């Protein structure tokens, strides 16, 4: 379902490379049986897409015989795999057109990060909030932002830290806690890697610029 909702055509085809393994679990021997089980499997996938992805397309449900007659023309494992892949690709395109697809997931994940970056936020926590698996959210993040989840979270925390360093009411270690780092030494290392100077040096440079 995640591939249908958010994945690329390439990812769908890579997943369908495992179709022969699925067929082995069916323990079918005759081409007609293979056609029938492939037909039933596709219908089951489509029903699941309706329930879990809110897919509104129902032509396959109203006219299942059309799908059966199409599959009936192919009687080898490879040809049936290819036809099943094409039908799933069509479904995926329809689902994405209907829902707005992957960018909505990443947008929501980014909103959560900006809202909760001060907490002990994990990929697992955010994935649960946006209703996908951690592995899939990580893939989507990389595709959409060119950064993985931790890199994006770190950027958000350090940007907020840089802003707070202009407020002399807070010591550097306090700012570390305020942006989600319980270890000020680790915070300082991450900050220097990103900004080329320590948090204190950054604060000093800001103060001198304002004098």
N, C-alpha and C. Protein backbone atom coordinates (compact mmCIF):
# COMPACT_ATOMS: atom_id res chain seq x y z
N UNK A 1 0.82 -1.20 0.00
CA UNK A 1 0.00 0.00 0.00
C UNK A 1 0.86 1.26 0.00
N UNK A 2 1.95 1.23 0.75
CA UNK A 2 2.82 2.41 0.80
C UNK A 2 3.42 2.70 -0.57
N UNK A 3 3.79 1.67 -1.29
CA UNK A 3 4.36 1.88 -2.63
C UNK A 3 3.29 2.43 -3.57
N UNK A 4 2.09 1.91 -3.49
CA UNK A 4 1.01 2.42 -4.33
C UNK A 4 0.72 3.89 -4.01
N UNK A 5 0.78 4.24 -2.75
CA UNK A 5 0.42 5.61 -2.33
C UNK A 5 1.55 6.61 -2.55
N UNK A 6 2.79 6.17 -2.29
CA UNK A 6 3.89 7.15 -2.27
C UNK A 6 5.09 6.78 -3.15
N UNK A 7 5.15 5.54 -3.62
CA UNK A 7 6.35 5.09 -4.30
C UNK A 7 6.42 5.49 -5.77
N UNK A 8 7.59 5.29 -6.34
CA UNK A 8 7.80 5.57 -7.75
C UNK A 8 7.48 4.32 -8.57
N UNK A 9 7.40 4.49 -9.88
CA UNK A 9 7.16 3.35 -10.77
C UNK A 9 8.30 2.34 -10.64
N UNK A 10 9.51 2.84 -10.49
CA UNK A 10 10.67 1.95 -10.35
C UNK A 10 10.55 1.11 -9.08
N UNK A 11 10.13 1.73 -7.98
CA UNK A 11 9.99 1.00 -6.72
C UNK A 11 8.90 -0.06 -6.81
N UNK A 12 7.83 0.27 -7.53
CA UNK A 12 6.76 -0.70 -7.72
C UNK A 12 7.27 -1.91 -8.49
N UNK A 13 8.02 -1.66 -9.56
CA UNK A 13 8.53 -2.76 -10.37
C UNK A 13 9.56 -3.60 -9.61
N UNK A 14 10.35 -2.94 -8.76
CA UNK A 14 11.31 -3.68 -7.93
C UNK A 14 10.56 -4.59 -6.95
N UNK A 15 9.47 -4.06 -6.38
CA UNK A 15 8.69 -4.87 -5.44
C UNK A 15 8.05 -6.05 -6.15
N UNK A 16 7.58 -5.83 -7.36
CA UNK A 16 6.92 -6.91 -8.11
C UNK A 16 7.90 -7.95 -8.62
N UNK A 17 9.19 -7.68 -8.51
CA UNK A 17 10.17 -8.70 -8.85
C UNK A 17 10.03 -9.89 -7.90
N UNK A 18 9.41 -9.66 -6.75
CA UNK A 18 9.19 -10.74 -5.79
C UNK A 18 7.90 -11.51 -6.03
N UNK A 19 7.21 -11.20 -7.11
CA UNK A 19 5.95 -11.88 -7.42
C UNK A 19 6.10 -13.41 -7.50
N UNK A 20 7.17 -13.93 -8.13
CA UNK A 20 7.31 -15.40 -8.19
C UNK A 20 7.35 -16.06 -6.80
N UNK A 21 7.93 -15.36 -5.81
CA UNK A 21 7.95 -15.92 -4.45
C UNK A 21 6.54 -16.02 -3.89
N UNK A 22 5.74 -14.99 -4.18
CA UNK A 22 4.34 -15.02 -3.73
C UNK A 22 3.60 -16.18 -4.38
N UNK A 23 3.83 -16.36 -5.67
CA UNK A 23 3.15 -17.43 -6.41
C UNK A 23 3.47 -18.81 -5.82
N UNK A 24 4.70 -18.98 -5.36
CA UNK A 24 5.09 -20.26 -4.77
C UNK A 24 4.22 -20.60 -3.57
N UNK A 25 3.81 -19.59 -2.82
CA UNK A 25 2.98 -19.85 -1.64
C UNK A 25 1.57 -20.27 -2.03
N UNK A 26 1.18 -20.00 -3.27
CA UNK A 26 -0.15 -20.39 -3.73
C UNK A 26 -0.22 -21.87 -4.08
N UNK A 27 0.94 -22.45 -4.40
CA UNK A 27 1.03 -23.87 -4.73
C UNK A 27 0.09 -24.26 -5.87
N UNK A 28 0.11 -23.45 -6.94
CA UNK A 28 -0.71 -23.76 -8.11
C UNK A 28 0.15 -24.46 -9.16
N UNK A 29 -0.49 -25.31 -9.97
CA UNK A 29 0.24 -26.08 -10.97
C UNK A 29 -0.19 -25.78 -12.40
N UNK A 30 -1.41 -25.36 -12.57
CA UNK A 30 -1.93 -25.16 -13.93
C UNK A 30 -2.06 -23.67 -14.24
N UNK A 31 -1.85 -23.29 -15.50
CA UNK A 31 -1.96 -21.88 -15.91
C UNK A 31 -3.30 -21.25 -15.52
N UNK A 32 -4.39 -21.98 -15.66
CA UNK A 32 -5.70 -21.43 -15.30
C UNK A 32 -5.77 -21.07 -13.83
N UNK A 33 -5.17 -21.94 -13.00
CA UNK A 33 -5.16 -21.67 -11.56
C UNK A 33 -4.30 -20.45 -11.26
N UNK A 34 -3.19 -20.31 -11.96
CA UNK A 34 -2.31 -19.16 -11.77
C UNK A 34 -3.02 -17.87 -12.17
N UNK A 35 -3.74 -17.93 -13.29
CA UNK A 35 -4.51 -16.76 -13.72
C UNK A 35 -5.57 -16.39 -12.67
N UNK A 36 -6.27 -17.41 -12.18
CA UNK A 36 -7.33 -17.17 -11.20
C UNK A 36 -6.77 -16.57 -9.91
N UNK A 37 -5.66 -17.09 -9.41
CA UNK A 37 -5.10 -16.58 -8.16
C UNK A 37 -4.54 -15.17 -8.35
N UNK A 38 -3.95 -14.90 -9.50
CA UNK A 38 -3.45 -13.54 -9.78
C UNK A 38 -4.62 -12.55 -9.81
N UNK A 39 -5.71 -12.96 -10.44
CA UNK A 39 -6.94 -12.15 -10.50
C UNK A 39 -7.45 -11.87 -9.08
N UNK A 40 -7.54 -12.89 -8.26
CA UNK A 40 -8.04 -12.73 -6.89
C UNK A 40 -7.11 -11.85 -6.06
N UNK A 41 -5.80 -12.02 -6.28
CA UNK A 41 -4.83 -11.22 -5.54
C UNK A 41 -4.95 -9.74 -5.89
N UNK A 42 -5.09 -9.43 -7.18
CA UNK A 42 -5.24 -8.04 -7.59
C UNK A 42 -6.51 -7.43 -7.00
N UNK A 43 -7.60 -8.17 -7.01
CA UNK A 43 -8.84 -7.67 -6.43
C UNK A 43 -8.66 -7.38 -4.94
N UNK A 44 -7.91 -8.26 -4.27
CA UNK A 44 -7.67 -8.06 -2.83
C UNK A 44 -6.83 -6.80 -2.59
N UNK A 45 -5.82 -6.58 -3.44
CA UNK A 45 -5.00 -5.37 -3.32
C UNK A 45 -5.86 -4.13 -3.54
N UNK A 46 -6.71 -4.17 -4.55
CA UNK A 46 -7.57 -3.02 -4.87
C UNK A 46 -8.55 -2.74 -3.72
N UNK A 47 -9.10 -3.79 -3.12
CA UNK A 47 -10.01 -3.59 -1.98
C UNK A 47 -9.28 -2.95 -0.81
N UNK A 48 -8.06 -3.41 -0.57
CA UNK A 48 -7.26 -2.84 0.51
C UNK A 48 -6.95 -1.37 0.25
N UNK A 49 -6.69 -1.03 -1.02
CA UNK A 49 -6.43 0.36 -1.39
C UNK A 49 -7.65 1.23 -1.12
N UNK A 50 -8.83 0.68 -1.37
CA UNK A 50 -10.06 1.42 -1.07
C UNK A 50 -10.19 1.69 0.42
N UNK A 51 -9.89 0.67 1.23
CA UNK A 51 -10.08 0.78 2.68
C UNK A 51 -9.02 1.64 3.34
N UNK A 52 -7.76 1.43 2.97
CA UNK A 52 -6.66 2.09 3.69
C UNK A 52 -6.17 3.37 3.04
N UNK A 53 -6.36 3.50 1.73
CA UNK A 53 -5.88 4.70 1.03
C UNK A 53 -7.03 5.59 0.57
N UNK A 54 -8.27 5.13 0.84
CA UNK A 54 -9.42 5.92 0.42
C UNK A 54 -9.56 6.04 -1.08
N UNK A 55 -9.06 5.03 -1.79
CA UNK A 55 -9.10 5.05 -3.26
C UNK A 55 -10.54 5.01 -3.73
N UNK A 56 -10.92 5.93 -4.60
CA UNK A 56 -12.31 6.05 -5.01
C UNK A 56 -12.63 5.33 -6.33
N UNK A 57 -11.61 4.90 -7.05
CA UNK A 57 -11.84 4.20 -8.32
C UNK A 57 -12.53 2.86 -8.06
N UNK A 58 -13.60 2.58 -8.79
CA UNK A 58 -14.34 1.34 -8.54
C UNK A 58 -14.73 0.61 -9.82
N UNK A 59 -14.18 1.01 -10.96
CA UNK A 59 -14.55 0.35 -12.22
C UNK A 59 -14.20 -1.13 -12.19
N UNK A 60 -13.06 -1.47 -11.56
CA UNK A 60 -12.65 -2.87 -11.46
C UNK A 60 -13.65 -3.68 -10.62
N UNK A 61 -14.30 -2.99 -9.66
CA UNK A 61 -15.25 -3.67 -8.78
C UNK A 61 -16.59 -3.88 -9.50
N UNK A 62 -16.96 -2.90 -10.33
CA UNK A 62 -18.22 -2.99 -11.06
C UNK A 62 -18.12 -3.96 -12.24
N UNK A 63 -16.92 -4.03 -12.82
CA UNK A 63 -16.74 -4.88 -14.00
C UNK A 63 -15.50 -5.77 -13.84
N UNK A 64 -15.50 -6.65 -12.85
CA UNK A 64 -14.32 -7.51 -12.63
C UNK A 64 -14.05 -8.45 -13.79
N UNK A 65 -15.11 -8.76 -14.56
CA UNK A 65 -14.93 -9.68 -15.67
C UNK A 65 -13.96 -9.12 -16.71
N UNK A 66 -13.90 -7.79 -16.81
CA UNK A 66 -12.98 -7.17 -17.77
C UNK A 66 -11.54 -7.44 -17.37
N UNK A 67 -11.27 -7.37 -16.08
CA UNK A 67 -9.92 -7.67 -15.58
C UNK A 67 -9.60 -9.15 -15.80
N UNK A 68 -10.57 -10.00 -15.52
CA UNK A 68 -10.35 -11.43 -15.70
C UNK A 68 -10.07 -11.77 -17.16
N UNK A 69 -10.85 -11.20 -18.07
CA UNK A 69 -10.66 -11.48 -19.49
C UNK A 69 -9.30 -10.99 -19.98
N UNK A 70 -8.82 -9.90 -19.38
CA UNK A 70 -7.49 -9.40 -19.75
C UNK A 70 -6.41 -10.38 -19.28
N UNK A 71 -6.49 -10.81 -18.04
CA UNK A 71 -5.47 -11.72 -17.49
C UNK A 71 -5.51 -13.08 -18.17
N UNK A 72 -6.68 -13.46 -18.63
CA UNK A 72 -6.85 -14.78 -19.22
C UNK A 72 -6.01 -14.95 -20.49
N UNK A 73 -5.58 -13.84 -21.05
CA UNK A 73 -4.78 -13.91 -22.28
C UNK A 73 -3.31 -14.25 -22.00
N UNK A 74 -2.93 -14.27 -20.74
CA UNK A 74 -1.52 -14.49 -20.38
C UNK A 74 -1.43 -15.72 -19.47
N UNK A 75 -0.59 -16.66 -19.87
CA UNK A 75 -0.57 -17.93 -19.13
C UNK A 75 0.81 -18.33 -18.61
N UNK A 76 1.78 -17.40 -18.64
CA UNK A 76 3.08 -17.70 -18.05
C UNK A 76 3.29 -16.81 -16.83
N UNK A 77 4.16 -17.25 -15.95
CA UNK A 77 4.42 -16.48 -14.73
C UNK A 77 4.93 -15.08 -15.06
N UNK A 78 5.88 -14.98 -15.98
CA UNK A 78 6.45 -13.67 -16.33
C UNK A 78 5.41 -12.74 -16.95
N UNK A 79 4.59 -13.29 -17.83
CA UNK A 79 3.60 -12.44 -18.49
C UNK A 79 2.53 -11.98 -17.51
N UNK A 80 2.15 -12.83 -16.58
CA UNK A 80 1.16 -12.45 -15.57
C UNK A 80 1.74 -11.43 -14.58
N UNK A 81 3.01 -11.62 -14.24
CA UNK A 81 3.68 -10.63 -13.37
C UNK A 81 3.68 -9.27 -14.02
N UNK A 82 4.01 -9.23 -15.32
CA UNK A 82 4.06 -7.96 -16.04
C UNK A 82 2.68 -7.31 -16.10
N UNK A 83 1.65 -8.11 -16.36
CA UNK A 83 0.30 -7.56 -16.44
C UNK A 83 -0.18 -7.07 -15.07
N UNK A 84 0.13 -7.83 -14.03
CA UNK A 84 -0.24 -7.41 -12.67
C UNK A 84 0.47 -6.10 -12.31
N UNK A 85 1.73 -5.99 -12.71
CA UNK A 85 2.50 -4.77 -12.45
C UNK A 85 1.87 -3.58 -13.14
N UNK A 86 1.45 -3.77 -14.39
CA UNK A 86 0.83 -2.67 -15.14
C UNK A 86 -0.48 -2.24 -14.49
N UNK A 87 -1.27 -3.18 -14.02
CA UNK A 87 -2.53 -2.84 -13.37
C UNK A 87 -2.28 -2.10 -12.05
N UNK A 88 -1.26 -2.52 -11.33
CA UNK A 88 -0.92 -1.84 -10.08
C UNK A 88 -0.37 -0.44 -10.36
N UNK A 89 0.39 -0.30 -11.43
CA UNK A 89 0.92 1.01 -11.79
C UNK A 89 -0.21 1.98 -12.13
N UNK A 90 -1.23 1.48 -12.82
CA UNK A 90 -2.39 2.31 -13.13
C UNK A 90 -3.11 2.72 -11.84
N UNK A 91 -3.24 1.77 -10.92
CA UNK A 91 -3.88 2.07 -9.64
C UNK A 91 -3.08 3.11 -8.86
N UNK A 92 -1.75 2.95 -8.85
CA UNK A 92 -0.89 3.89 -8.13
C UNK A 92 -1.02 5.30 -8.68
N UNK A 93 -1.08 5.41 -9.99
CA UNK A 93 -1.22 6.73 -10.63
C UNK A 93 -2.55 7.37 -10.22
N UNK A 94 -3.60 6.57 -10.17
CA UNK A 94 -4.91 7.06 -9.78
C UNK A 94 -4.94 7.49 -8.32
N UNK A 95 -4.32 6.70 -7.46
CA UNK A 95 -4.27 7.01 -6.03
C UNK A 95 -3.51 8.31 -5.79
N UNK A 96 -2.37 8.46 -6.45
CA UNK A 96 -1.56 9.67 -6.28
C UNK A 96 -2.29 10.91 -6.79
N UNK A 97 -2.96 10.78 -7.92
CA UNK A 97 -3.70 11.92 -8.48
C UNK A 97 -4.82 12.34 -7.54
N UNK A 98 -5.38 11.37 -6.85
CA UNK A 98 -6.49 11.65 -5.95
C UNK A 98 -6.03 12.28 -4.64
N UNK A 99 -4.90 11.85 -4.12
CA UNK A 99 -4.49 12.23 -2.77
C UNK A 99 -3.46 13.34 -2.68
N UNK A 100 -2.76 13.64 -3.76
CA UNK A 100 -1.69 14.63 -3.64
C UNK A 100 -0.38 13.99 -3.29
N UNK A 101 -0.41 12.70 -2.91
CA UNK A 101 0.76 11.85 -2.81
C UNK A 101 1.77 12.25 -1.76
N UNK A 102 3.05 11.96 -2.05
CA UNK A 102 4.08 11.91 -1.02
C UNK A 102 4.40 13.25 -0.39
N UNK A 103 4.29 14.35 -1.14
CA UNK A 103 4.71 15.64 -0.59
C UNK A 103 3.91 16.01 0.65
N UNK A 104 2.63 15.57 0.71
CA UNK A 104 1.81 15.86 1.88
C UNK A 104 2.37 15.17 3.13
N UNK A 105 2.89 13.97 2.95
CA UNK A 105 3.47 13.24 4.08
C UNK A 105 4.70 13.98 4.60
N UNK A 106 5.58 14.38 3.69
CA UNK A 106 6.80 15.09 4.10
C UNK A 106 6.46 16.45 4.70
N UNK A 107 5.50 17.16 4.10
CA UNK A 107 5.08 18.46 4.64
C UNK A 107 4.61 18.33 6.08
N UNK A 108 3.81 17.30 6.34
CA UNK A 108 3.29 17.08 7.69
C UNK A 108 4.43 16.70 8.64
N UNK A 109 5.35 15.86 8.17
CA UNK A 109 6.50 15.48 9.01
C UNK A 109 7.35 16.70 9.35
N UNK A 110 7.56 17.58 8.38
CA UNK A 110 8.33 18.80 8.63
C UNK A 110 7.63 19.69 9.64
N UNK A 111 6.31 19.79 9.51
CA UNK A 111 5.55 20.61 10.46
C UNK A 111 5.71 20.08 11.89
N UNK A 112 5.66 18.75 12.03
CA UNK A 112 5.82 18.14 13.35
C UNK A 112 7.22 18.42 13.91
N UNK A 113 8.23 18.31 13.04
CA UNK A 113 9.60 18.57 13.49
C UNK A 113 9.75 20.01 13.97
N UNK A 114 9.23 20.96 13.21
CA UNK A 114 9.34 22.37 13.60
C UNK A 114 8.57 22.65 14.89
N UNK A 115 7.54 21.88 15.14
CA UNK A 115 6.73 22.08 16.34
C UNK A 115 7.34 21.41 17.56
N UNK A 116 7.98 20.25 17.37
CA UNK A 116 8.43 19.44 18.50
C UNK A 116 9.94 19.21 18.55
N UNK A 117 10.73 20.01 17.82
CA UNK A 117 12.17 19.77 17.75
C UNK A 117 12.85 19.82 19.12
N UNK A 118 12.24 20.51 20.09
CA UNK A 118 12.84 20.63 21.42
C UNK A 118 12.74 19.33 22.22
N UNK A 119 11.85 18.43 21.78
CA UNK A 119 11.65 17.17 22.49
C UNK A 119 12.62 16.11 21.97
N UNK A 120 12.59 14.96 22.64
CA UNK A 120 13.44 13.84 22.22
C UNK A 120 12.77 13.14 21.04
N UNK A 121 12.79 13.82 19.91
CA UNK A 121 12.04 13.39 18.73
C UNK A 121 12.80 12.30 17.97
N UNK A 122 12.07 11.27 17.55
CA UNK A 122 12.69 10.18 16.78
C UNK A 122 11.94 9.97 15.47
N UNK A 123 12.60 9.30 14.55
CA UNK A 123 11.98 8.96 13.27
C UNK A 123 10.73 8.12 13.51
N UNK A 124 10.80 7.19 14.45
CA UNK A 124 9.66 6.33 14.77
C UNK A 124 8.46 7.15 15.21
N UNK A 125 8.69 8.13 16.08
CA UNK A 125 7.60 8.96 16.59
C UNK A 125 6.91 9.73 15.47
N UNK A 126 7.71 10.33 14.60
CA UNK A 126 7.13 11.13 13.51
C UNK A 126 6.42 10.23 12.50
N UNK A 127 7.02 9.08 12.21
CA UNK A 127 6.40 8.14 11.27
C UNK A 127 5.02 7.71 11.76
N UNK A 128 4.91 7.47 13.06
CA UNK A 128 3.61 7.08 13.61
C UNK A 128 2.59 8.20 13.47
N UNK A 129 3.04 9.43 13.60
CA UNK A 129 2.14 10.58 13.49
C UNK A 129 1.63 10.77 12.07
N UNK A 130 2.44 10.40 11.07
CA UNK A 130 2.03 10.59 9.68
C UNK A 130 1.56 9.28 9.03
N UNK A 131 1.50 8.20 9.85
CA UNK A 131 0.90 6.93 9.44
C UNK A 131 1.66 6.22 8.31
N UNK A 132 2.98 6.23 8.38
CA UNK A 132 3.80 5.41 7.48
C UNK A 132 4.88 4.74 8.33
N UNK A 133 5.59 3.79 7.74
CA UNK A 133 6.67 3.14 8.48
C UNK A 133 7.89 4.06 8.54
N UNK A 134 8.75 3.89 9.54
CA UNK A 134 9.98 4.69 9.63
C UNK A 134 10.85 4.57 8.38
N UNK A 135 10.95 3.36 7.84
CA UNK A 135 11.78 3.14 6.64
C UNK A 135 11.22 3.96 5.48
N UNK A 136 9.92 3.94 5.33
CA UNK A 136 9.33 4.66 4.21
C UNK A 136 9.44 6.17 4.40
N UNK A 137 9.22 6.66 5.61
CA UNK A 137 9.36 8.10 5.86
C UNK A 137 10.78 8.55 5.57
N UNK A 138 11.76 7.73 5.95
CA UNK A 138 13.16 8.07 5.69
C UNK A 138 13.41 8.19 4.19
N UNK A 139 12.86 7.26 3.40
CA UNK A 139 13.02 7.31 1.94
C UNK A 139 12.37 8.56 1.36
N UNK A 140 11.16 8.86 1.82
CA UNK A 140 10.45 10.03 1.31
C UNK A 140 11.20 11.32 1.65
N UNK A 141 11.72 11.39 2.88
CA UNK A 141 12.46 12.58 3.30
C UNK A 141 13.66 12.82 2.40
N UNK A 142 14.39 11.76 2.11
CA UNK A 142 15.58 11.89 1.28
C UNK A 142 15.22 12.35 -0.13
N UNK A 143 14.13 11.80 -0.66
CA UNK A 143 13.70 12.17 -2.01
C UNK A 143 13.25 13.62 -2.08
N UNK A 144 12.46 14.05 -1.08
CA UNK A 144 11.84 15.37 -1.13
C UNK A 144 12.77 16.49 -0.70
N UNK A 145 13.64 16.22 0.28
CA UNK A 145 14.46 17.30 0.85
C UNK A 145 15.95 17.15 0.59
N UNK A 146 16.35 16.01 0.05
CA UNK A 146 17.76 15.69 -0.17
C UNK A 146 18.52 15.55 1.15
N UNK A 147 17.78 15.38 2.24
CA UNK A 147 18.37 15.14 3.56
C UNK A 147 17.61 14.00 4.21
N UNK A 148 18.32 13.25 5.07
CA UNK A 148 17.58 12.25 5.81
C UNK A 148 16.91 12.90 7.02
N UNK A 149 16.11 12.14 7.75
CA UNK A 149 15.35 12.69 8.87
C UNK A 149 16.23 13.37 9.90
N UNK A 150 17.31 12.69 10.31
CA UNK A 150 18.17 13.23 11.35
C UNK A 150 18.87 14.50 10.89
N UNK A 151 19.30 14.54 9.65
CA UNK A 151 19.94 15.75 9.11
C UNK A 151 18.98 16.93 9.13
N UNK A 152 17.74 16.68 8.76
CA UNK A 152 16.75 17.76 8.75
C UNK A 152 16.46 18.23 10.17
N UNK A 153 16.26 17.29 11.09
CA UNK A 153 16.01 17.64 12.48
C UNK A 153 17.17 18.44 13.07
N UNK A 154 18.39 18.02 12.77
CA UNK A 154 19.58 18.73 13.26
C UNK A 154 19.62 20.15 12.72
N UNK A 155 19.33 20.33 11.45
CA UNK A 155 19.32 21.67 10.85
C UNK A 155 18.32 22.57 11.57
N UNK A 156 17.14 22.05 11.82
CA UNK A 156 16.10 22.84 12.49
C UNK A 156 16.56 23.23 13.89
N UNK A 157 17.13 22.29 14.62
CA UNK A 157 17.60 22.58 15.98
C UNK A 157 18.72 23.61 15.99
N UNK A 158 19.68 23.45 15.08
CA UNK A 158 20.82 24.37 15.06
C UNK A 158 20.42 25.77 14.59
N UNK A 159 19.49 25.85 13.67
CA UNK A 159 19.01 27.16 13.24
C UNK A 159 18.33 27.90 14.39
N UNK A 160 17.56 27.16 15.17
CA UNK A 160 16.92 27.76 16.34
C UNK A 160 17.95 28.14 17.39
N UNK A 161 18.98 27.31 17.53
CA UNK A 161 20.04 27.62 18.49
C UNK A 161 20.77 28.91 18.08
N UNK A 162 21.06 29.05 16.79
CA UNK A 162 21.75 30.24 16.31
C UNK A 162 20.94 31.50 16.61
N UNK A 163 19.63 31.41 16.46
CA UNK A 163 18.78 32.56 16.78
C UNK A 163 18.81 32.87 18.27
N UNK A 164 18.76 31.85 19.09
CA UNK A 164 18.73 32.03 20.54
C UNK A 164 20.07 32.53 21.10
N UNK A 165 21.15 32.27 20.39
CA UNK A 165 22.46 32.72 20.88
C UNK A 165 22.56 34.24 20.90
N UNK A 166 21.67 34.91 20.22
CA UNK A 166 21.65 36.37 20.28
C UNK A 166 21.04 36.91 21.55
N UNK A 167 20.40 36.04 22.32
CA UNK A 167 19.77 36.44 23.59
C UNK A 167 20.73 36.11 24.73
N UNK A 168 21.34 37.12 25.29
CA UNK A 168 22.38 36.93 26.32
C UNK A 168 21.81 36.50 27.67
N UNK A 169 20.52 36.42 27.80
CA UNK A 169 19.94 35.95 29.07
C UNK A 169 20.22 34.47 29.30
N UNK A 170 20.50 33.75 28.20
CA UNK A 170 20.69 32.30 28.32
C UNK A 170 22.14 31.91 28.08
N UNK A 171 22.63 31.01 28.90
CA UNK A 171 23.96 30.46 28.70
C UNK A 171 23.91 29.42 27.57
N UNK A 172 25.08 29.13 27.01
CA UNK A 172 25.14 28.21 25.87
C UNK A 172 24.57 26.85 26.23
N UNK A 173 24.89 26.33 27.41
CA UNK A 173 24.40 25.00 27.77
C UNK A 173 22.88 25.01 27.92
N UNK A 174 22.30 26.14 28.34
CA UNK A 174 20.85 26.23 28.45
C UNK A 174 20.19 26.19 27.08
N UNK A 175 20.82 26.85 26.14
CA UNK A 175 20.30 26.84 24.77
C UNK A 175 20.37 25.44 24.19
N UNK A 176 21.42 24.72 24.55
CA UNK A 176 21.54 23.32 24.11
C UNK A 176 20.33 22.53 24.55
N UNK A 177 19.92 22.67 25.81
CA UNK A 177 18.75 21.97 26.32
C UNK A 177 17.48 22.45 25.61
N UNK A 178 17.41 23.75 25.37
CA UNK A 178 16.21 24.36 24.78
C UNK A 178 15.93 23.88 23.37
N UNK A 179 16.96 23.48 22.65
CA UNK A 179 16.75 23.03 21.26
C UNK A 179 16.78 21.51 21.13
N UNK A 180 16.79 20.80 22.25
CA UNK A 180 16.65 19.35 22.19
C UNK A 180 17.89 18.52 22.44
N UNK A 181 19.00 19.17 22.85
CA UNK A 181 20.24 18.41 23.11
C UNK A 181 20.54 18.42 24.60
N UNK A 182 20.55 17.23 25.19
CA UNK A 182 20.84 17.12 26.62
C UNK A 182 22.33 17.09 26.91
N UNK A 183 23.14 16.93 25.87
CA UNK A 183 24.60 16.91 26.02
C UNK A 183 25.18 18.15 25.34
N UNK A 184 25.54 19.18 26.11
CA UNK A 184 26.07 20.42 25.54
C UNK A 184 27.33 20.23 24.70
N UNK A 185 28.14 19.23 25.05
CA UNK A 185 29.37 18.97 24.29
C UNK A 185 29.02 18.48 22.89
N UNK A 186 28.07 17.57 22.83
CA UNK A 186 27.61 17.07 21.53
C UNK A 186 26.99 18.21 20.72
N UNK A 187 26.21 19.02 21.38
CA UNK A 187 25.60 20.19 20.73
C UNK A 187 26.67 21.09 20.13
N UNK A 188 27.72 21.36 20.89
CA UNK A 188 28.79 22.25 20.44
C UNK A 188 29.51 21.67 19.21
N UNK A 189 29.71 20.35 19.20
CA UNK A 189 30.36 19.70 18.05
C UNK A 189 29.51 19.83 16.80
N UNK A 190 28.21 19.57 16.95
CA UNK A 190 27.30 19.68 15.81
C UNK A 190 27.24 21.12 15.30
N UNK A 191 27.23 22.06 16.22
CA UNK A 191 27.15 23.47 15.84
C UNK A 191 28.40 23.90 15.08
N UNK A 192 29.56 23.49 15.57
CA UNK A 192 30.81 23.86 14.91
C UNK A 192 30.90 23.24 13.53
N UNK A 193 30.43 22.01 13.39
CA UNK A 193 30.44 21.35 12.09
C UNK A 193 29.56 22.10 11.09
N UNK A 194 28.44 22.64 11.57
CA UNK A 194 27.50 23.32 10.68
C UNK A 194 27.89 24.77 10.42
N UNK A 195 28.42 25.46 11.43
CA UNK A 195 28.65 26.91 11.31
C UNK A 195 30.13 27.29 11.26
N UNK A 196 31.00 26.32 11.48
CA UNK A 196 32.43 26.61 11.40
C UNK A 196 33.02 27.29 12.61
N UNK A 197 32.24 27.38 13.67
CA UNK A 197 32.73 27.98 14.92
C UNK A 197 31.89 27.42 16.07
N UNK A 198 32.38 27.59 17.30
CA UNK A 198 31.64 27.10 18.44
C UNK A 198 30.44 28.01 18.72
N UNK A 199 29.47 27.56 19.48
CA UNK A 199 28.34 28.42 19.83
C UNK A 199 28.78 29.73 20.50
N UNK A 200 29.79 29.63 21.38
CA UNK A 200 30.26 30.85 22.07
C UNK A 200 30.93 31.80 21.08
N UNK A 201 31.71 31.27 20.17
CA UNK A 201 32.35 32.11 19.14
C UNK A 201 31.29 32.77 18.26
N UNK A 202 30.26 32.02 17.95
CA UNK A 202 29.17 32.57 17.13
C UNK A 202 28.49 33.70 17.89
N UNK A 203 28.25 33.49 19.18
CA UNK A 203 27.63 34.53 20.00
C UNK A 203 28.52 35.77 20.06
N UNK A 204 29.81 35.57 20.24
CA UNK A 204 30.74 36.70 20.33
C UNK A 204 30.77 37.49 19.04
N UNK A 205 30.72 36.77 17.90
CA UNK A 205 30.76 37.46 16.61
C UNK A 205 29.49 38.27 16.39
N UNK A 206 28.38 37.75 16.87
CA UNK A 206 27.11 38.48 16.74
C UNK A 206 27.11 39.72 17.61
N UNK A 207 27.68 39.58 18.81
CA UNK A 207 27.74 40.72 19.73
C UNK A 207 28.61 41.82 19.17
N UNK A 208 29.76 41.44 18.57
CA UNK A 208 30.69 42.44 18.02
C UNK A 208 30.08 43.16 16.82
N UNK A 209 29.25 42.45 16.06
CA UNK A 209 28.61 43.06 14.90
C UNK A 209 27.57 44.11 15.31
N UNK A 210 27.01 43.92 16.50
CA UNK A 210 25.96 44.83 16.94
C UNK A 210 26.50 46.00 17.77
N UNK A 211 27.80 45.99 18.06
CA UNK A 211 28.40 47.10 18.84
C UNK A 211 28.61 48.32 17.97
